C-alpha atoms as a PDB file:
ATOM      1  CA  MET A   1      94.369  24.042-200.047  1.00  0.00           C
ATOM      2  CA  ASP A   2      91.978  24.138-202.380  1.00  0.00           C
ATOM      3  CA  ASN A   3      93.943  22.553-205.492  1.00  0.00           C
ATOM      4  CA  HIS A   4      96.137  20.146-203.773  1.00  0.00           C
ATOM      5  CA  PRO A   5      95.984  17.811-200.903  1.00  0.00           C
ATOM      6  CA  ILE A   6      97.635  19.409-197.914  1.00  0.00           C
ATOM      7  CA  SER A   7      96.460  19.899-194.369  1.00  0.00           C
ATOM      8  CA  CYS A   8      95.859  23.418-192.780  1.00  0.00           C
ATOM      9  CA  TYR A   9      98.330  21.794-190.422  1.00  0.00           C
ATOM     10  CA  HIS A  10     101.343  21.004-192.442  1.00  0.00           C
ATOM     11  CA  LEU A  11     100.484  24.452-194.504  1.00  0.00           C
ATOM     12  CA  GLY A  12     100.724  26.183-191.524  1.00  0.00           C
ATOM     13  CA  GLN A  13     103.946  24.470-190.339  1.00  0.00           C
ATOM     14  CA  TYR A  14     105.766  25.171-193.447  1.00  0.00           C
ATOM     15  CA  PHE A  15     104.663  29.206-193.227  1.00  0.00           C
ATOM     16  CA  GLN A  16     105.614  29.392-189.548  1.00  0.00           C
ATOM     17  CA  VAL A  17     101.887  29.922-188.658  1.00  0.00           C
ATOM     18  CA  ASP A  18      99.428  28.572-186.248  1.00  0.00           C
ATOM     19  CA  GLY A  19      98.003  25.577-188.179  1.00  0.00           C
ATOM     20  CA  LYS A  20      94.762  25.182-186.255  1.00  0.00           C
ATOM     21  CA  GLN A  21      94.020  29.094-186.287  1.00  0.00           C
ATOM     22  CA  LEU A  22      94.586  28.610-190.261  1.00  0.00           C
ATOM     23  CA  GLN A  23      91.980  25.801-190.577  1.00  0.00           C
ATOM     24  CA  GLU A  24      89.847  27.617-188.468  1.00  0.00           C
ATOM     25  CA  GLN A  25      90.248  30.920-190.748  1.00  0.00           C
ATOM     26  CA  TYR A  26      90.207  28.706-193.835  1.00  0.00           C
ATOM     27  CA  LYS A  27      86.790  27.315-192.936  1.00  0.00           C
ATOM     28  CA  GLU A  28      84.833  30.120-191.709  1.00  0.00           C
ATOM     29  CA  HIS A  29      86.550  32.618-194.269  1.00  0.00           C
ATOM     30  CA  ILE A  30      88.403  31.411-197.341  1.00  0.00           C
ATOM     31  CA  SER A  31      86.438  28.229-198.410  1.00  0.00           C
ATOM     32  CA  GLU A  32      83.124  30.180-197.905  1.00  0.00           C
ATOM     33  CA  TYR A  33      81.672  27.306-196.298  1.00  0.00           C
ATOM     34  CA  GLY A  34      79.091  29.591-194.156  1.00  0.00           C
ATOM     35  CA  SER A  35      77.528  30.294-197.368  1.00  0.00           C
ATOM     36  CA  TRP A  36      77.511  26.838-198.897  1.00  0.00           C
ATOM     37  CA  ASP A  37      73.824  25.968-200.192  1.00  0.00           C
ATOM     38  CA  GLN A  38      74.256  22.377-199.062  1.00  0.00           C
ATOM     39  CA  LYS A  39      75.447  23.317-195.327  1.00  0.00           C
ATOM     40  CA  SER A  40      71.702  22.710-194.010  1.00  0.00           C
ATOM     41  CA  HIS A  41      71.649  19.055-195.050  1.00  0.00           C
ATOM     42  CA  ALA A  42      75.042  18.013-195.965  1.00  0.00           C
ATOM     43  CA  ASP A  43      75.331  15.998-193.098  1.00  0.00           C
ATOM     44  CA  GLN A  44      72.315  13.833-194.622  1.00  0.00           C
ATOM     45  CA  TRP A  45      73.186  14.244-198.122  1.00  0.00           C
ATOM     46  CA  MET A  46      75.060  16.011-200.736  1.00  0.00           C
ATOM     47  CA  LEU A  47      74.347  16.497-204.762  1.00  0.00           C
ATOM     48  CA  PHE A  48      76.269  17.608-207.550  1.00  0.00           C
ATOM     49  CA  SER A  49      74.168  17.621-210.592  1.00  0.00           C
ATOM     50  CA  LYS A  50      76.987  18.934-212.437  1.00  0.00           C
ATOM     51  CA  ASN A  51      78.851  15.550-212.100  1.00  0.00           C
ATOM     52  CA  VAL A  52      76.283  13.588-213.998  1.00  0.00           C
ATOM     53  CA  SER A  53      77.691  11.896-216.778  1.00  0.00           C
ATOM     54  CA  THR A  54      76.619   8.675-219.052  1.00  0.00           C
ATOM     55  CA  ARG A  55      78.480   6.164-216.961  1.00  0.00           C
ATOM     56  CA  LEU A  56      77.683   5.898-213.142  1.00  0.00           C
ATOM     57  CA  SER A  57      78.316   3.925-210.341  1.00  0.00           C
ATOM     58  CA  ILE A  58      76.460   3.549-207.437  1.00  0.00           C
ATOM     59  CA  ASP A  59      77.550   1.457-203.850  1.00  0.00           C
ATOM     60  CA  GLU A  60      77.392   1.765-200.442  1.00  0.00           C
ATOM     61  CA  THR A  61      80.085   2.385-198.038  1.00  0.00           C
ATOM     62  CA  ALA A  62      80.822   2.537-193.959  1.00  0.00           C
ATOM     63  CA  LEU A  63      82.391   6.042-192.995  1.00  0.00           C
ATOM     64  CA  SER A  64      82.588   7.208-189.667  1.00  0.00           C
ATOM     65  CA  ASN A  65      81.370   5.353-186.603  1.00  0.00           C
ATOM     66  CA  GLY A  66      80.476   2.513-189.208  1.00  0.00           C
ATOM     67  CA  GLU A  67      77.568   4.415-190.306  1.00  0.00           C
ATOM     68  CA  LEU A  68      76.399   3.522-194.104  1.00  0.00           C
ATOM     69  CA  TYR A  69      76.085   5.951-197.057  1.00  0.00           C
ATOM     70  CA  THR A  70      75.295   5.281-200.373  1.00  0.00           C
ATOM     71  CA  ILE A  71      77.644   7.181-202.842  1.00  0.00           C
ATOM     72  CA  VAL A  72      77.034   7.625-206.609  1.00  0.00           C
ATOM     73  CA  THR A  73      79.889   8.765-208.580  1.00  0.00           C
ATOM     74  CA  ASN A  74      80.764   9.569-212.406  1.00  0.00           C
ATOM     75  CA  LYS A  75      83.036   6.658-213.895  1.00  0.00           C
ATOM     76  CA  ASP A  76      84.436   8.814-216.575  1.00  0.00           C
ATOM     77  CA  ALA A  77      85.599  11.162-214.060  1.00  0.00           C
ATOM     78  CA  ARG A  78      88.216   8.346-212.774  1.00  0.00           C
ATOM     79  CA  GLY A  79      88.160   9.226-209.048  1.00  0.00           C
ATOM     80  CA  LYS A  80      89.336  12.531-209.830  1.00  0.00           C
ATOM     81  CA  LYS A  81      87.546  15.712-209.534  1.00  0.00           C
ATOM     82  CA  GLY A  82      84.014  15.711-210.778  1.00  0.00           C
ATOM     83  CA  ALA A  83      84.025  12.067-209.616  1.00  0.00           C
ATOM     84  CA  ILE A  84      81.119  12.549-206.686  1.00  0.00           C
ATOM     85  CA  LEU A  85      77.471  12.967-207.740  1.00  0.00           C
ATOM     86  CA  ALA A  86      76.030  12.177-204.605  1.00  0.00           C
ATOM     87  CA  MET A  87      76.467  11.081-201.076  1.00  0.00           C
ATOM     88  CA  ILE A  88      73.277   9.945-198.922  1.00  0.00           C
ATOM     89  CA  LYS A  89      72.958   8.752-195.677  1.00  0.00           C
ATOM     90  CA  GLY A  90      71.903   5.447-195.521  1.00  0.00           C
ATOM     91  CA  THR A  91      70.789   2.805-198.008  1.00  0.00           C
ATOM     92  CA  VAL A  92      66.946   3.286-197.918  1.00  0.00           C
ATOM     93  CA  ALA A  93      65.692   3.098-201.434  1.00  0.00           C
ATOM     94  CA  GLU A  94      63.278   5.839-201.143  1.00  0.00           C
ATOM     95  CA  ASP A  95      66.020   8.608-199.358  1.00  0.00           C
ATOM     96  CA  ILE A  96      68.371   7.595-202.580  1.00  0.00           C
ATOM     97  CA  ILE A  97      65.273   8.097-204.922  1.00  0.00           C
ATOM     98  CA  ALA A  98      64.308  11.530-203.135  1.00  0.00           C
ATOM     99  CA  VAL A  99      67.992  12.552-203.564  1.00  0.00           C
ATOM    100  CA  LEU A 100      68.404  11.556-207.047  1.00  0.00           C
ATOM    101  CA  LYS A 101      65.163  12.843-208.403  1.00  0.00           C
ATOM    102  CA  LYS A 102      66.564  16.438-207.612  1.00  0.00           C
ATOM    103  CA  ILE A 103      68.505  15.823-210.849  1.00  0.00           C
ATOM    104  CA  PRO A 104      66.901  17.477-213.995  1.00  0.00           C
ATOM    105  CA  GLU A 105      65.018  14.689-215.858  1.00  0.00           C
ATOM    106  CA  ARG A 106      66.698  15.504-218.973  1.00  0.00           C
ATOM    107  CA  SER A 107      70.437  14.890-217.504  1.00  0.00           C
ATOM    108  CA  ARG A 108      68.911  11.231-215.711  1.00  0.00           C
ATOM    109  CA  LYS A 109      67.707  10.498-219.388  1.00  0.00           C
ATOM    110  CA  ARG A 110      70.996  11.044-220.554  1.00  0.00           C
ATOM    111  CA  VAL A 111      72.566   8.291-218.418  1.00  0.00           C
ATOM    112  CA  GLN A 112      73.153   4.723-220.282  1.00  0.00           C
ATOM    113  CA  GLU A 113      75.040   2.638-217.911  1.00  0.00           C
ATOM    114  CA  VAL A 114      74.936   2.378-213.866  1.00  0.00           C
ATOM    115  CA  THR A 115      76.899   0.122-212.251  1.00  0.00           C
ATOM    116  CA  MET A 116      75.773  -1.339-209.080  1.00  0.00           C
ATOM    117  CA  ASP A 117      75.847  -4.263-206.589  1.00  0.00           C
ATOM    118  CA  MET A 118      72.958  -7.106-206.192  1.00  0.00           C
ATOM    119  CA  ALA A 119      70.993  -5.213-203.558  1.00  0.00           C
ATOM    120  CA  ALA A 120      67.316  -4.632-204.222  1.00  0.00           C
ATOM    121  CA  ASN A 121      67.439  -1.187-203.128  1.00  0.00           C
ATOM    122  CA  MET A 122      70.021   0.010-205.426  1.00  0.00           C
ATOM    123  CA  GLN A 123      68.450  -1.595-208.330  1.00  0.00           C
ATOM    124  CA  LEU A 124      65.053  -0.127-207.279  1.00  0.00           C
ATOM    125  CA  ALA A 125      66.808   3.442-207.006  1.00  0.00           C
ATOM    126  CA  ILE A 126      68.177   3.204-210.348  1.00  0.00           C
ATOM    127  CA  LYS A 127      65.127   1.917-212.180  1.00  0.00           C
ATOM    128  CA  ARG A 128      63.024   4.734-210.729  1.00  0.00           C
ATOM    129  CA  CYS A 129      66.145   7.630-211.528  1.00  0.00           C
ATOM    130  CA  PHE A 130      67.633   6.368-214.535  1.00  0.00           C
ATOM    131  CA  ALA A 131      64.904   4.689-216.712  1.00  0.00           C
ATOM    132  CA  ASN A 132      67.487   4.583-219.695  1.00  0.00           C
ATOM    133  CA  ALA A 133      70.037   2.839-217.986  1.00  0.00           C
ATOM    134  CA  HIS A 134      71.324  -0.590-218.381  1.00  0.00           C
ATOM    135  CA  ARG A 135      71.848  -1.831-214.932  1.00  0.00           C
ATOM    136  CA  VAL A 136      75.199  -3.499-214.673  1.00  0.00           C
ATOM    137  CA  ILE A 137      76.551  -5.914-211.735  1.00  0.00           C
ATOM    138  CA  ASP A 138      80.209  -5.500-211.794  1.00  0.00           C
ATOM    139  CA  ARG A 139      82.544  -8.486-211.465  1.00  0.00           C
ATOM    140  CA  PHE A 140      83.858  -7.540-207.838  1.00  0.00           C
ATOM    141  CA  HIS A 141      80.551  -8.079-206.268  1.00  0.00           C
ATOM    142  CA  VAL A 142      80.237 -11.319-208.435  1.00  0.00           C
ATOM    143  CA  GLN A 143      83.575 -12.629-207.762  1.00  0.00           C
ATOM    144  CA  LYS A 144      83.191 -11.720-203.863  1.00  0.00           C
ATOM    145  CA  LEU A 145      80.500 -14.145-203.703  1.00  0.00           C
ATOM    146  CA  ALA A 146      82.562 -16.745-204.817  1.00  0.00           C
ATOM    147  CA  CYS A 147      85.409 -15.919-202.560  1.00  0.00           C
ATOM    148  CA  ASP A 148      82.853 -15.925-199.711  1.00  0.00           C
ATOM    149  CA  ALA A 149      81.803 -19.552-200.427  1.00  0.00           C
ATOM    150  CA  VAL A 150      85.558 -20.650-200.726  1.00  0.00           C
ATOM    151  CA  GLN A 151      86.048 -19.021-197.102  1.00  0.00           C
ATOM    152  CA  GLU A 152      83.032 -20.788-195.742  1.00  0.00           C
ATOM    153  CA  VAL A 153      84.451 -24.005-197.054  1.00  0.00           C
ATOM    154  CA  ARG A 154      88.095 -23.200-195.180  1.00  0.00           C
ATOM    155  CA  ILE A 155      86.167 -21.905-191.648  1.00  0.00           C
ATOM    156  CA  LYS A 156      83.858 -25.003-191.820  1.00  0.00           C
ATOM    157  CA  TYR A 157      87.347 -27.352-191.699  1.00  0.00           C
ATOM    158  CA  ARG A 158      88.944 -25.186-189.376  1.00  0.00           C
ATOM    159  CA  TRP A 159      86.358 -25.218-186.525  1.00  0.00           C
ATOM    160  CA  GLU A 160      86.239 -29.159-187.334  1.00  0.00           C
ATOM    161  CA  ALA A 161      90.147 -29.135-186.722  1.00  0.00           C
ATOM    162  CA  LEU A 162      89.563 -27.116-183.591  1.00  0.00           C
ATOM    163  CA  ASP A 163      86.927 -29.570-182.061  1.00  0.00           C
ATOM    164  CA  GLN A 164      89.255 -32.224-183.128  1.00  0.00           C
ATOM    165  CA  GLU A 165      92.545 -30.671-181.248  1.00  0.00           C
ATOM    166  CA  ASN A 166      90.349 -30.014-178.136  1.00  0.00           C
ATOM    167  CA  ALA A 167      89.132 -33.589-178.128  1.00  0.00           C
ATOM    168  CA  ALA A 168      92.588 -34.689-178.155  1.00  0.00           C
ATOM    169  CA  ILE A 169      94.215 -32.581-175.760  1.00  0.00           C
ATOM    170  CA  ALA A 170      91.222 -33.546-173.550  1.00  0.00           C
ATOM    171  CA  LEU A 171      91.830 -37.339-173.568  1.00  0.00           C
ATOM    172  CA  ALA A 172      95.583 -36.633-173.421  1.00  0.00           C
ATOM    173  CA  LYS A 173      95.118 -35.097-169.954  1.00  0.00           C
ATOM    174  CA  LYS A 174      92.597 -37.721-169.148  1.00  0.00           C
ATOM    175  CA  GLU A 175      94.868 -40.548-169.997  1.00  0.00           C
ATOM    176  CA  LYS A 176      97.844 -37.929-168.150  1.00  0.00           C
ATOM    177  CA  ARG A 177     100.411 -37.966-171.022  1.00  0.00           C
ATOM    178  CA  HIS A 178     101.459 -34.768-172.833  1.00  0.00           C
ATOM    179  CA  TYR A 179      99.992 -33.600-176.095  1.00  0.00           C
ATOM    180  CA  GLU A 180     101.329 -32.924-179.280  1.00  0.00           C
ATOM    181  CA  ALA A 181      99.776 -31.584-182.463  1.00  0.00           C
ATOM    182  CA  GLU A 182     100.962 -32.810-185.563  1.00  0.00           C
ATOM    183  CA  ILE A 183     103.385 -30.673-187.510  1.00  0.00           C
ATOM    184  CA  LEU A 184     103.367 -30.439-191.172  1.00  0.00           C
ATOM    185  CA  ALA A 185     106.186 -30.214-193.634  1.00  0.00           C
ATOM    186  CA  ASN A 186     105.842 -26.325-193.549  1.00  0.00           C
ATOM    187  CA  GLY A 187     105.863 -26.003-189.733  1.00  0.00           C
ATOM    188  CA  ASP A 188     102.287 -25.541-189.278  1.00  0.00           C
ATOM    189  CA  THR A 189      99.902 -27.037-187.295  1.00  0.00           C
ATOM    190  CA  LEU A 190      96.648 -28.370-188.688  1.00  0.00           C
ATOM    191  CA  LYS A 191      94.787 -25.684-187.643  1.00  0.00           C
ATOM    192  CA  GLN A 192      97.268 -23.002-188.431  1.00  0.00           C
ATOM    193  CA  LEU A 193      97.562 -24.115-192.129  1.00  0.00           C
ATOM    194  CA  LEU A 194      93.809 -23.777-192.272  1.00  0.00           C
ATOM    195  CA  ALA A 195      94.201 -20.146-190.701  1.00  0.00           C
ATOM    196  CA  ARG A 196      96.931 -19.122-192.585  1.00  0.00           C
ATOM    197  CA  SER A 197      95.863 -20.277-195.950  1.00  0.00           C
ATOM    198  CA  ARG A 198      92.970 -17.298-195.559  1.00  0.00           C
ATOM    199  CA  TYR A 199      94.868 -14.964-198.020  1.00  0.00           C
ATOM    200  CA  LEU A 200      96.249 -17.533-200.379  1.00  0.00           C
ATOM    201  CA  LEU A 201      92.597 -18.562-201.137  1.00  0.00           C
ATOM    202  CA  PHE A 202      91.886 -14.683-202.030  1.00  0.00           C
ATOM    203  CA  LYS A 203      94.693 -14.704-204.842  1.00  0.00           C
ATOM    204  CA  HIS A 204      94.886 -16.173-208.376  1.00  0.00           C
ATOM    205  CA  HIS A 205      97.291 -19.194-208.158  1.00  0.00           C
ATOM    206  CA  SER A 206      99.693 -17.531-210.616  1.00  0.00           C
ATOM    207  CA  LYS A 207     100.572 -14.585-208.041  1.00  0.00           C
ATOM    208  CA  TRP A 208     100.994 -17.054-204.996  1.00  0.00           C
ATOM    209  CA  THR A 209     104.465 -16.982-203.407  1.00  0.00           C
ATOM    210  CA  GLN A 210     106.582 -20.451-203.024  1.00  0.00           C
ATOM    211  CA  ILE A 211     105.816 -20.495-199.153  1.00  0.00           C
ATOM    212  CA  GLN A 212     101.997 -20.130-200.481  1.00  0.00           C
ATOM    213  CA  LYS A 213     102.470 -22.687-203.093  1.00  0.00           C
ATOM    214  CA  HIS A 214     103.526 -24.978-200.698  1.00  0.00           C
ATOM    215  CA  ARG A 215     100.810 -24.247-197.837  1.00  0.00           C
ATOM    216  CA  ALA A 216      98.529 -24.942-200.870  1.00  0.00           C
ATOM    217  CA  GLU A 217      99.593 -28.058-201.776  1.00  0.00           C
ATOM    218  CA  LEU A 218      99.598 -29.231-198.320  1.00  0.00           C
ATOM    219  CA  LEU A 219      95.906 -27.535-197.677  1.00  0.00           C
ATOM    220  CA  PHE A 220      94.483 -29.284-200.819  1.00  0.00           C
ATOM    221  CA  GLU A 221      96.311 -32.969-200.204  1.00  0.00           C
ATOM    222  CA  ARG A 222      94.045 -33.017-196.754  1.00  0.00           C
ATOM    223  CA  TYR A 223      90.900 -30.976-198.115  1.00  0.00           C
ATOM    224  CA  PRO A 224      90.461 -31.838-201.680  1.00  0.00           C
ATOM    225  CA  VAL A 225      86.937 -30.325-201.526  1.00  0.00           C
ATOM    226  CA  LEU A 226      88.437 -26.915-200.284  1.00  0.00           C
ATOM    227  CA  GLU A 227      90.784 -27.087-203.782  1.00  0.00           C
ATOM    228  CA  LYS A 228      87.601 -27.930-205.861  1.00  0.00           C
ATOM    229  CA  ALA A 229      85.654 -24.848-204.053  1.00  0.00           C
ATOM    230  CA  TYR A 230      88.985 -22.875-204.514  1.00  0.00           C
ATOM    231  CA  ASN A 231      88.999 -23.788-208.541  1.00  0.00           C
ATOM    232  CA  ILE A 232      85.396 -23.184-208.883  1.00  0.00           C
ATOM    233  CA  SER A 233      85.724 -19.565-207.743  1.00  0.00           C
ATOM    234  CA  VAL A 234      88.888 -18.986-210.190  1.00  0.00           C
ATOM    235  CA  ASN A 235      86.826 -20.414-212.923  1.00  0.00           C
ATOM    236  CA  LEU A 236      84.145 -17.736-212.136  1.00  0.00           C
ATOM    237  CA  GLY A 237      86.895 -15.078-212.494  1.00  0.00           C
ATOM    238  CA  GLU A 238      88.481 -15.990-215.464  1.00  0.00           C
ATOM    239  CA  ILE A 239      84.926 -15.545-217.237  1.00  0.00           C
ATOM    240  CA  PHE A 240      85.157 -11.884-216.538  1.00  0.00           C
ATOM    241  CA  LYS A 241      88.640 -11.596-217.784  1.00  0.00           C
ATOM    242  CA  ARG A 242      88.579 -13.624-220.707  1.00  0.00           C
ATOM    243  CA  CYS A 243      84.735 -13.369-222.159  1.00  0.00           C
ATOM    244  CA  LYS A 244      84.656 -10.234-224.529  1.00  0.00           C
ATOM    245  CA  SER A 245      80.660 -10.675-225.468  1.00  0.00           C
ATOM    246  CA  LYS A 246      77.197 -11.429-223.701  1.00  0.00           C
ATOM    247  CA  GLU A 247      77.120 -14.153-225.903  1.00  0.00           C
ATOM    248  CA  GLN A 248      80.476 -15.940-225.078  1.00  0.00           C
ATOM    249  CA  ALA A 249      79.852 -15.387-221.361  1.00  0.00           C
ATOM    250  CA  PHE A 250      76.414 -16.386-221.133  1.00  0.00           C
ATOM    251  CA  LYS A 251      77.995 -19.836-222.655  1.00  0.00           C
ATOM    252  CA  HIS A 252      80.616 -20.029-220.014  1.00  0.00           C
ATOM    253  CA  LEU A 253      78.360 -19.158-217.215  1.00  0.00           C
ATOM    254  CA  ALA A 254      76.197 -22.115-218.118  1.00  0.00           C
ATOM    255  CA  ILE A 255      79.249 -24.406-217.856  1.00  0.00           C
ATOM    256  CA  TRP A 256      80.668 -23.002-214.655  1.00  0.00           C
ATOM    257  CA  HIS A 257      76.735 -23.556-213.557  1.00  0.00           C
ATOM    258  CA  ASN A 258      77.256 -27.340-214.398  1.00  0.00           C
ATOM    259  CA  GLN A 259      80.706 -27.297-212.573  1.00  0.00           C
ATOM    260  CA  VAL A 260      78.749 -26.027-209.426  1.00  0.00           C
ATOM    261  CA  ASP A 261      75.878 -28.811-209.586  1.00  0.00           C
ATOM    262  CA  ALA A 262      78.419 -31.240-209.937  1.00  0.00           C
ATOM    263  CA  CYS A 263      80.559 -30.271-206.951  1.00  0.00           C
ATOM    264  CA  GLU A 264      78.004 -30.258-204.621  1.00  0.00           C
ATOM    265  CA  ILE A 265      79.022 -27.655-202.191  1.00  0.00           C
ATOM    266  CA  ASP A 266      76.102 -26.002-200.555  1.00  0.00           C
ATOM    267  CA  ALA A 267      77.674 -22.439-200.586  1.00  0.00           C
ATOM    268  CA  PHE A 268      78.400 -22.324-204.338  1.00  0.00           C
ATOM    269  CA  LYS A 269      74.539 -23.790-205.162  1.00  0.00           C
ATOM    270  CA  THR A 270      74.025 -20.253-203.298  1.00  0.00           C
ATOM    271  CA  VAL A 271      76.051 -18.297-205.098  1.00  0.00           C
ATOM    272  CA  ALA A 272      74.747 -19.986-208.391  1.00  0.00           C
ATOM    273  CA  ARG A 273      71.441 -19.024-207.535  1.00  0.00           C
ATOM    274  CA  SER A 274      72.311 -15.551-206.679  1.00  0.00           C
ATOM    275  CA  ILE A 275      73.929 -15.492-210.307  1.00  0.00           C
ATOM    276  CA  GLN A 276      71.071 -16.796-212.012  1.00  0.00           C
ATOM    277  CA  SER A 277      68.427 -14.119-210.268  1.00  0.00           C
ATOM    278  CA  HIS A 278      70.735 -11.143-211.464  1.00  0.00           C
ATOM    279  CA  TYR A 279      72.258 -12.981-214.815  1.00  0.00           C
ATOM    280  CA  LEU A 280      71.066 -10.008-217.185  1.00  0.00           C
ATOM    281  CA  SER A 281      72.203  -7.320-215.336  1.00  0.00           C
ATOM    282  CA  ILE A 282      75.674  -9.405-214.909  1.00  0.00           C
ATOM    283  CA  LEU A 283      75.943 -10.132-218.523  1.00  0.00           C
ATOM    284  CA  ASN A 284      75.678  -6.225-219.122  1.00  0.00           C
ATOM    285  CA  PHE A 285      78.926  -6.169-217.948  1.00  0.00           C
ATOM    286  CA  PHE A 286      79.960  -7.671-221.181  1.00  0.00           C
ATOM    287  CA  ILE A 287      78.632  -4.721-223.472  1.00  0.00           C
ATOM    288  CA  ASN A 288      81.365  -2.820-223.379  1.00  0.00           C
END
């Protein structure tokens, strides 16, 4: 169990012993959990200083009961043994700093790069604890902002379609006639088209199935602003895929900003302002 991902229950079944009892014995005796030096504070924070490397990543995640935890990982471990450097309950900058400063200063000064999102608390923690490290905002968090902007446009149109349908139903009822929704070429109603397009708008058009391509054609034919929003999001992703240097990325981001200015979509103007506020950390993504 120390070296392979198998539960006590399944191991007990294999050897025909009580799995629950084996779990208790493993926890209390074999695992040395009782003498673990981090047991007293493990519900608040855990730190494994030996896992520090020159390349780290920090992010927040929701575990049990929706509680947020800040997790610092060693990127060089690639998700395997030695990947977790620290796990801290909550996202308060001062709490994160207090734990990370327990890492020897010499080790902290060797850190060259920390990947993170745009949260101010994360930036403060990295600045205080890893003074020599480049702060890198990875493409996932940037692209997510653009995807959220596309979805905001879609949701706006969906609510409009629902309002129009409700008004049409009320009118039909008033006129004592049966209401029939328009059925599109793919069998969707308008509100179904907008609801069922959610997932295809997250995907690159090169990965659409034939059904999704047909749905996208119907969608963009009726909502050209949504097509424009989708293309702007895709163009942002292409910058991260194709640019090989900070200089090249800076040039293409400037062109992308011009596209946003021309599109007049409020959600994307918010995305553009966020990128502009963090552009130095975003450009650091292209160093390696």
